Amino acid sequence: MISELGRVILTTDMPNYGLENGDIGTVVLVHEGGKGYEVEFVTLSGETFAIVSLFAEQVRSTSTREIAHARIISS
């Protein structure tokens, strides 16, 4: 199970929030034993970009065999 302060990867685009599949976030709250999560997405400078409630199916755990990728966000 994904725990609070764990890093997760978004598995779907969320254009209403400016988020894309593959964006990395931090779980700030676990809902109902892992049925959902409150996830914070931040810029590389540490500024909060979005905090979103997500179903468990919309995120996955990170793997040790992955590398981060940066992209420019729209304002």
PDB file of N, CA and C in Angstrom:
ATOM      1  N   MET A   1       0.842  -1.193   0.000  1.00  0.00           N
ATOM      2  CA  MET A   1       0.000   0.000   0.000  1.00  0.00           C
ATOM      3  C   MET A   1       0.882   1.250   0.000  1.00  0.00           C
ATOM      4  N   ILE A   2       0.410   2.254  -0.650  1.00  0.00           N
ATOM      5  CA  ILE A   2       1.089   3.542  -0.675  1.00  0.00           C
ATOM      6  C   ILE A   2       0.785   4.267   0.633  1.00  0.00           C
ATOM      7  N   SER A   3       1.815   4.850   1.245  1.00  0.00           N
ATOM      8  CA  SER A   3       1.619   5.506   2.537  1.00  0.00           C
ATOM      9  C   SER A   3       1.786   7.020   2.416  1.00  0.00           C
ATOM     10  N   GLU A   4       1.389   7.725   3.467  1.00  0.00           N
ATOM     11  CA  GLU A   4       1.541   9.175   3.499  1.00  0.00           C
ATOM     12  C   GLU A   4       3.013   9.530   3.342  1.00  0.00           C
ATOM     13  N   LEU A   5       3.280  10.574   2.604  1.00  0.00           N
ATOM     14  CA  LEU A   5       4.598  11.087   2.254  1.00  0.00           C
ATOM     15  C   LEU A   5       5.327  10.207   1.242  1.00  0.00           C
ATOM     16  N   GLY A   6       4.639   9.179   0.730  1.00  0.00           N
ATOM     17  CA  GLY A   6       5.209   8.362  -0.330  1.00  0.00           C
ATOM     18  C   GLY A   6       5.077   9.063  -1.665  1.00  0.00           C
ATOM     19  N   ARG A   7       6.023   8.819  -2.534  1.00  0.00           N
ATOM     20  CA  ARG A   7       5.960   9.386  -3.891  1.00  0.00           C
ATOM     21  C   ARG A   7       5.144   8.467  -4.780  1.00  0.00           C
ATOM     22  N   VAL A   8       4.346   9.087  -5.624  1.00  0.00           N
ATOM     23  CA  VAL A   8       3.516   8.333  -6.565  1.00  0.00           C
ATOM     24  C   VAL A   8       3.633   8.956  -7.948  1.00  0.00           C
ATOM     25  N   ILE A   9       3.249   8.176  -8.949  1.00  0.00           N
ATOM     26  CA  ILE A   9       3.272   8.629 -10.329  1.00  0.00           C
ATOM     27  C   ILE A   9       1.852   8.608 -10.866  1.00  0.00           C
ATOM     28  N   LEU A  10       1.436   9.703 -11.438  1.00  0.00           N
ATOM     29  CA  LEU A  10       0.112   9.824 -12.025  1.00  0.00           C
ATOM     30  C   LEU A  10       0.018   8.920 -13.254  1.00  0.00           C
ATOM     31  N   THR A  11      -1.076   8.183 -13.379  1.00  0.00           N
ATOM     32  CA  THR A  11      -1.228   7.238 -14.495  1.00  0.00           C
ATOM     33  C   THR A  11      -2.227   7.702 -15.541  1.00  0.00           C
ATOM     34  N   THR A  12      -2.694   8.923 -15.414  1.00  0.00           N
ATOM     35  CA  THR A  12      -3.663   9.473 -16.361  1.00  0.00           C
ATOM     36  C   THR A  12      -3.445  10.971 -16.500  1.00  0.00           C
ATOM     37  N   ASP A  13      -3.821  11.525 -17.623  1.00  0.00           N
ATOM     38  CA  ASP A  13      -3.777  12.984 -17.790  1.00  0.00           C
ATOM     39  C   ASP A  13      -4.921  13.610 -17.004  1.00  0.00           C
ATOM     40  N   MET A  14      -4.666  14.777 -16.429  1.00  0.00           N
ATOM     41  CA  MET A  14      -5.690  15.544 -15.725  1.00  0.00           C
ATOM     42  C   MET A  14      -5.589  16.998 -16.197  1.00  0.00           C
ATOM     43  N   PRO A  15      -6.079  17.263 -17.418  1.00  0.00           N
ATOM     44  CA  PRO A  15      -5.915  18.595 -18.001  1.00  0.00           C
ATOM     45  C   PRO A  15      -6.533  19.717 -17.175  1.00  0.00           C
ATOM     46  N   ASN A  16      -7.571  19.447 -16.415  1.00  0.00           N
ATOM     47  CA  ASN A  16      -8.190  20.491 -15.585  1.00  0.00           C
ATOM     48  C   ASN A  16      -7.235  21.018 -14.527  1.00  0.00           C
ATOM     49  N   TYR A  17      -6.229  20.214 -14.166  1.00  0.00           N
ATOM     50  CA  TYR A  17      -5.244  20.594 -13.159  1.00  0.00           C
ATOM     51  C   TYR A  17      -3.873  20.868 -13.778  1.00  0.00           C
ATOM     52  N   GLY A  18      -3.740  20.734 -15.100  1.00  0.00           N
ATOM     53  CA  GLY A  18      -2.456  20.922 -15.750  1.00  0.00           C
ATOM     54  C   GLY A  18      -1.496  19.774 -15.525  1.00  0.00           C
ATOM     55  N   LEU A  19      -2.026  18.604 -15.154  1.00  0.00           N
ATOM     56  CA  LEU A  19      -1.192  17.437 -14.853  1.00  0.00           C
ATOM     57  C   LEU A  19      -1.233  16.438 -15.994  1.00  0.00           C
ATOM     58  N   GLU A  20      -0.121  15.716 -16.153  1.00  0.00           N
ATOM     59  CA  GLU A  20      -0.007  14.721 -17.217  1.00  0.00           C
ATOM     60  C   GLU A  20       0.421  13.372 -16.652  1.00  0.00           C
ATOM     61  N   ASN A  21       0.054  12.334 -17.376  1.00  0.00           N
ATOM     62  CA  ASN A  21       0.496  10.980 -17.063  1.00  0.00           C
ATOM     63  C   ASN A  21       2.012  11.015 -16.871  1.00  0.00           C
ATOM     64  N   GLY A  22       2.493  10.464 -15.769  1.00  0.00           N
ATOM     65  CA  GLY A  22       3.924  10.432 -15.488  1.00  0.00           C
ATOM     66  C   GLY A  22       4.385  11.484 -14.504  1.00  0.00           C
ATOM     67  N   ASP A  23       3.540  12.487 -14.199  1.00  0.00           N
ATOM     68  CA  ASP A  23       3.924  13.490 -13.211  1.00  0.00           C
ATOM     69  C   ASP A  23       4.074  12.825 -11.840  1.00  0.00           C
ATOM     70  N   ILE A  24       5.037  13.308 -11.067  1.00  0.00           N
ATOM     71  CA  ILE A  24       5.355  12.723  -9.766  1.00  0.00           C
ATOM     72  C   ILE A  24       4.787  13.617  -8.664  1.00  0.00           C
ATOM     73  N   GLY A  25       4.116  12.996  -7.705  1.00  0.00           N
ATOM     74  CA  GLY A  25       3.545  13.732  -6.592  1.00  0.00           C
ATOM     75  C   GLY A  25       3.844  13.046  -5.271  1.00  0.00           C
ATOM     76  N   THR A  26       3.475  13.710  -4.192  1.00  0.00           N
ATOM     77  CA  THR A  26       3.661  13.184  -2.841  1.00  0.00           C
ATOM     78  C   THR A  26       2.304  13.028  -2.175  1.00  0.00           C
ATOM     79  N   VAL A  27       2.064  11.866  -1.611  1.00  0.00           N
ATOM     80  CA  VAL A  27       0.806  11.601  -0.917  1.00  0.00           C
ATOM     81  C   VAL A  27       0.804  12.382   0.395  1.00  0.00           C
ATOM     82  N   VAL A  28      -0.221  13.205   0.588  1.00  0.00           N
ATOM     83  CA  VAL A  28      -0.344  13.953   1.839  1.00  0.00           C
ATOM     84  C   VAL A  28      -1.460  13.405   2.723  1.00  0.00           C
ATOM     85  N   LEU A  29      -2.309  12.557   2.158  1.00  0.00           N
ATOM     86  CA  LEU A  29      -3.384  11.939   2.936  1.00  0.00           C
ATOM     87  C   LEU A  29      -3.845  10.672   2.232  1.00  0.00           C
ATOM     88  N   VAL A  30      -4.033   9.612   3.009  1.00  0.00           N
ATOM     89  CA  VAL A  30      -4.551   8.350   2.475  1.00  0.00           C
ATOM     90  C   VAL A  30      -6.024   8.264   2.847  1.00  0.00           C
ATOM     91  N   HIS A  31      -6.889   8.011   1.870  1.00  0.00           N
ATOM     92  CA  HIS A  31      -8.325   7.899   2.100  1.00  0.00           C
ATOM     93  C   HIS A  31      -8.740   6.434   2.193  1.00  0.00           C
ATOM     94  N   GLU A  32      -9.534   6.112   3.195  1.00  0.00           N
ATOM     95  CA  GLU A  32     -10.169   4.798   3.346  1.00  0.00           C
ATOM     96  C   GLU A  32      -9.217   3.633   3.104  1.00  0.00           C
ATOM     97  N   GLY A  33      -8.083   3.651   3.783  1.00  0.00           N
ATOM     98  CA  GLY A  33      -7.156   2.527   3.715  1.00  0.00           C
ATOM     99  C   GLY A  33      -6.530   2.296   2.359  1.00  0.00           C
ATOM    100  N   GLY A  34      -6.452   3.320   1.523  1.00  0.00           N
ATOM    101  CA  GLY A  34      -5.800   3.190   0.227  1.00  0.00           C
ATOM    102  C   GLY A  34      -6.745   3.190  -0.962  1.00  0.00           C
ATOM    103  N   LYS A  35      -8.030   3.465  -0.724  1.00  0.00           N
ATOM    104  CA  LYS A  35      -8.964   3.558  -1.866  1.00  0.00           C
ATOM    105  C   LYS A  35      -8.721   4.827  -2.669  1.00  0.00           C
ATOM    106  N   GLY A  36      -8.105   5.804  -2.032  1.00  0.00           N
ATOM    107  CA  GLY A  36      -7.802   7.065  -2.699  1.00  0.00           C
ATOM    108  C   GLY A  36      -6.731   7.815  -1.948  1.00  0.00           C
ATOM    109  N   TYR A  37      -6.252   8.879  -2.580  1.00  0.00           N
ATOM    110  CA  TYR A  37      -5.144   9.646  -2.007  1.00  0.00           C
ATOM    111  C   TYR A  37      -5.299  11.123  -2.308  1.00  0.00           C
ATOM    112  N   GLU A  38      -4.842  11.951  -1.392  1.00  0.00           N
ATOM    113  CA  GLU A  38      -4.684  13.373  -1.627  1.00  0.00           C
ATOM    114  C   GLU A  38      -3.211  13.531  -2.000  1.00  0.00           C
ATOM    115  N   VAL A  39      -2.941  14.048  -3.192  1.00  0.00           N
ATOM    116  CA  VAL A  39      -1.571  14.098  -3.697  1.00  0.00           C
ATOM    117  C   VAL A  39      -1.192  15.531  -4.040  1.00  0.00           C
ATOM    118  N   GLU A  40      -0.015  15.938  -3.584  1.00  0.00           N
ATOM    119  CA  GLU A  40       0.513  17.264  -3.880  1.00  0.00           C
ATOM    120  C   GLU A  40       1.557  17.144  -4.984  1.00  0.00           C
ATOM    121  N   PHE A  41       1.437  17.997  -5.984  1.00  0.00           N
ATOM    122  CA  PHE A  41       2.396  18.071  -7.077  1.00  0.00           C
ATOM    123  C   PHE A  41       3.100  19.417  -6.966  1.00  0.00           C
ATOM    124  N   VAL A  42       4.424  19.398  -6.976  1.00  0.00           N
ATOM    125  CA  VAL A  42       5.199  20.625  -6.798  1.00  0.00           C
ATOM    126  C   VAL A  42       6.169  20.825  -7.954  1.00  0.00           C
ATOM    127  N   THR A  43       6.553  22.084  -8.165  1.00  0.00           N
ATOM    128  CA  THR A  43       7.576  22.401  -9.160  1.00  0.00           C
ATOM    129  C   THR A  43       8.937  22.028  -8.590  1.00  0.00           C
ATOM    130  N   LEU A  44       9.961  22.045  -9.417  1.00  0.00           N
ATOM    131  CA  LEU A  44      11.305  21.707  -8.948  1.00  0.00           C
ATOM    132  C   LEU A  44      11.845  22.726  -7.950  1.00  0.00           C
ATOM    133  N   SER A  45      11.255  23.923  -7.910  1.00  0.00           N
ATOM    134  CA  SER A  45      11.667  24.930  -6.927  1.00  0.00           C
ATOM    135  C   SER A  45      10.900  24.782  -5.611  1.00  0.00           C
ATOM    136  N   GLY A  46       9.966  23.815  -5.550  1.00  0.00           N
ATOM    137  CA  GLY A  46       9.239  23.549  -4.308  1.00  0.00           C
ATOM    138  C   GLY A  46       7.895  24.232  -4.196  1.00  0.00           C
ATOM    139  N   GLU A  47       7.467  24.935  -5.237  1.00  0.00           N
ATOM    140  CA  GLU A  47       6.168  25.618  -5.218  1.00  0.00           C
ATOM    141  C   GLU A  47       5.050  24.622  -5.513  1.00  0.00           C
ATOM    142  N   THR A  48       4.014  24.639  -4.690  1.00  0.00           N
ATOM    143  CA  THR A  48       2.876  23.757  -4.935  1.00  0.00           C
ATOM    144  C   THR A  48       2.201  24.140  -6.237  1.00  0.00           C
ATOM    145  N   PHE A  49       2.027  23.141  -7.106  1.00  0.00           N
ATOM    146  CA  PHE A  49       1.361  23.358  -8.390  1.00  0.00           C
ATOM    147  C   PHE A  49      -0.103  22.923  -8.307  1.00  0.00           C
ATOM    148  N   ALA A  50      -0.357  21.782  -7.660  1.00  0.00           N
ATOM    149  CA  ALA A  50      -1.727  21.270  -7.517  1.00  0.00           C
ATOM    150  C   ALA A  50      -1.787  20.300  -6.356  1.00  0.00           C
ATOM    151  N   ILE A  51      -2.925  20.286  -5.693  1.00  0.00           N
ATOM    152  CA  ILE A  51      -3.245  19.257  -4.703  1.00  0.00           C
ATOM    153  C   ILE A  51      -4.556  18.640  -5.165  1.00  0.00           C
ATOM    154  N   VAL A  52      -4.525  17.329  -5.416  1.00  0.00           N
ATOM    155  CA  VAL A  52      -5.640  16.667  -6.071  1.00  0.00           C
ATOM    156  C   VAL A  52      -6.033  15.405  -5.318  1.00  0.00           C
ATOM    157  N   SER A  53      -7.340  15.164  -5.191  1.00  0.00           N
ATOM    158  CA  SER A  53      -7.846  13.899  -4.664  1.00  0.00           C
ATOM    159  C   SER A  53      -7.931  12.901  -5.803  1.00  0.00           C
ATOM    160  N   LEU A  54      -7.301  11.749  -5.627  1.00  0.00           N
ATOM    161  CA  LEU A  54      -7.227  10.749  -6.692  1.00  0.00           C
ATOM    162  C   LEU A  54      -7.662   9.380  -6.199  1.00  0.00           C
ATOM    163  N   PHE A  55      -8.259   8.603  -7.097  1.00  0.00           N
ATOM    164  CA  PHE A  55      -8.552   7.210  -6.802  1.00  0.00           C
ATOM    165  C   PHE A  55      -7.256   6.414  -6.902  1.00  0.00           C
ATOM    166  N   ALA A  56      -7.197   5.297  -6.227  1.00  0.00           N
ATOM    167  CA  ALA A  56      -6.002   4.459  -6.235  1.00  0.00           C
ATOM    168  C   ALA A  56      -5.595   4.070  -7.654  1.00  0.00           C
ATOM    169  N   GLU A  57      -6.557   3.919  -8.546  1.00  0.00           N
ATOM    170  CA  GLU A  57      -6.277   3.523  -9.926  1.00  0.00           C
ATOM    171  C   GLU A  57      -5.592   4.631 -10.729  1.00  0.00           C
ATOM    172  N   GLN A  58      -5.575   5.841 -10.205  1.00  0.00           N
ATOM    173  CA  GLN A  58      -5.004   6.970 -10.941  1.00  0.00           C
ATOM    174  C   GLN A  58      -3.535   7.226 -10.619  1.00  0.00           C
ATOM    175  N   VAL A  59      -2.992   6.463  -9.680  1.00  0.00           N
ATOM    176  CA  VAL A  59      -1.585   6.606  -9.312  1.00  0.00           C
ATOM    177  C   VAL A  59      -0.957   5.230  -9.140  1.00  0.00           C
ATOM    178  N   ARG A  60       0.369   5.224  -9.183  1.00  0.00           N
ATOM    179  CA  ARG A  60       1.104   3.991  -8.895  1.00  0.00           C
ATOM    180  C   ARG A  60       2.354   4.349  -8.110  1.00  0.00           C
ATOM    181  N   SER A  61       2.917   3.356  -7.457  1.00  0.00           N
ATOM    182  CA  SER A  61       4.154   3.560  -6.708  1.00  0.00           C
ATOM    183  C   SER A  61       5.316   3.786  -7.664  1.00  0.00           C
ATOM    184  N   THR A  62       6.359   4.398  -7.172  1.00  0.00           N
ATOM    185  CA  THR A  62       7.571   4.563  -7.959  1.00  0.00           C
ATOM    186  C   THR A  62       8.390   3.275  -7.905  1.00  0.00           C
ATOM    187  N   SER A  63       9.302   3.150  -8.843  1.00  0.00           N
ATOM    188  CA  SER A  63      10.181   1.987  -8.921  1.00  0.00           C
ATOM    189  C   SER A  63      11.626   2.454  -8.883  1.00  0.00           C
ATOM    190  N   THR A  64      12.513   1.608  -8.410  1.00  0.00           N
ATOM    191  CA  THR A  64      13.931   1.968  -8.355  1.00  0.00           C
ATOM    192  C   THR A  64      14.563   2.029  -9.745  1.00  0.00           C
ATOM    193  N   ARG A  65      13.902   1.532 -10.758  1.00  0.00           N
ATOM    194  CA  ARG A  65      14.436   1.512 -12.123  1.00  0.00           C
ATOM    195  C   ARG A  65      13.808   2.598 -12.995  1.00  0.00           C
ATOM    196  N   GLU A  66      13.425   3.727 -12.383  1.00  0.00           N
ATOM    197  CA  GLU A  66      12.830   4.833 -13.119  1.00  0.00           C
ATOM    198  C   GLU A  66      13.682   6.082 -12.945  1.00  0.00           C
ATOM    199  N   ILE A  67      13.564   6.985 -13.907  1.00  0.00           N
ATOM    200  CA  ILE A  67      14.268   8.260 -13.854  1.00  0.00           C
ATOM    201  C   ILE A  67      13.237   9.377 -14.040  1.00  0.00           C
ATOM    202  N   ALA A  68      13.416  10.476 -13.307  1.00  0.00           N
ATOM    203  CA  ALA A  68      12.487  11.606 -13.414  1.00  0.00           C
ATOM    204  C   ALA A  68      12.720  12.361 -14.717  1.00  0.00           C
ATOM    205  N   HIS A  69      11.675  13.038 -15.189  1.00  0.00           N
ATOM    206  CA  HIS A  69      11.736  13.817 -16.419  1.00  0.00           C
ATOM    207  C   HIS A  69      11.070  15.159 -16.148  1.00  0.00           C
ATOM    208  N   ALA A  70      11.698  16.247 -16.538  1.00  0.00           N
ATOM    209  CA  ALA A  70      11.141  17.592 -16.297  1.00  0.00           C
ATOM    210  C   ALA A  70      10.392  18.087 -17.524  1.00  0.00           C
ATOM    211  N   ARG A  71       9.376  18.912 -17.284  1.00  0.00           N
ATOM    212  CA  ARG A  71       8.631  19.558 -18.360  1.00  0.00           C
ATOM    213  C   ARG A  71       8.185  20.924 -17.880  1.00  0.00           C
ATOM    214  N   ILE A  72       7.951  21.818 -18.805  1.00  0.00           N
ATOM    215  CA  ILE A  72       7.467  23.167 -18.490  1.00  0.00           C
ATOM    216  C   ILE A  72       5.948  23.087 -18.298  1.00  0.00           C
ATOM    217  N   ILE A  73       5.451  23.730 -17.240  1.00  0.00           N
ATOM    218  CA  ILE A  73       4.005  23.748 -16.999  1.00  0.00           C
ATOM    219  C   ILE A  73       3.424  25.062 -17.502  1.00  0.00           C
ATOM    220  N   SER A  74       2.171  24.998 -17.902  1.00  0.00           N
ATOM    221  CA  SER A  74       1.505  26.232 -18.323  1.00  0.00           C
ATOM    222  C   SER A  74       0.976  26.948 -17.101  1.00  0.00           C
ATOM    223  N   SER A  75       0.847  28.260 -17.169  1.00  0.00           N
ATOM    224  CA  SER A  75       0.385  29.031 -16.003  1.00  0.00           C
ATOM    225  C   SER A  75      -1.090  29.014 -15.847  1.00  0.00           C
TER     226      SER A  75
END
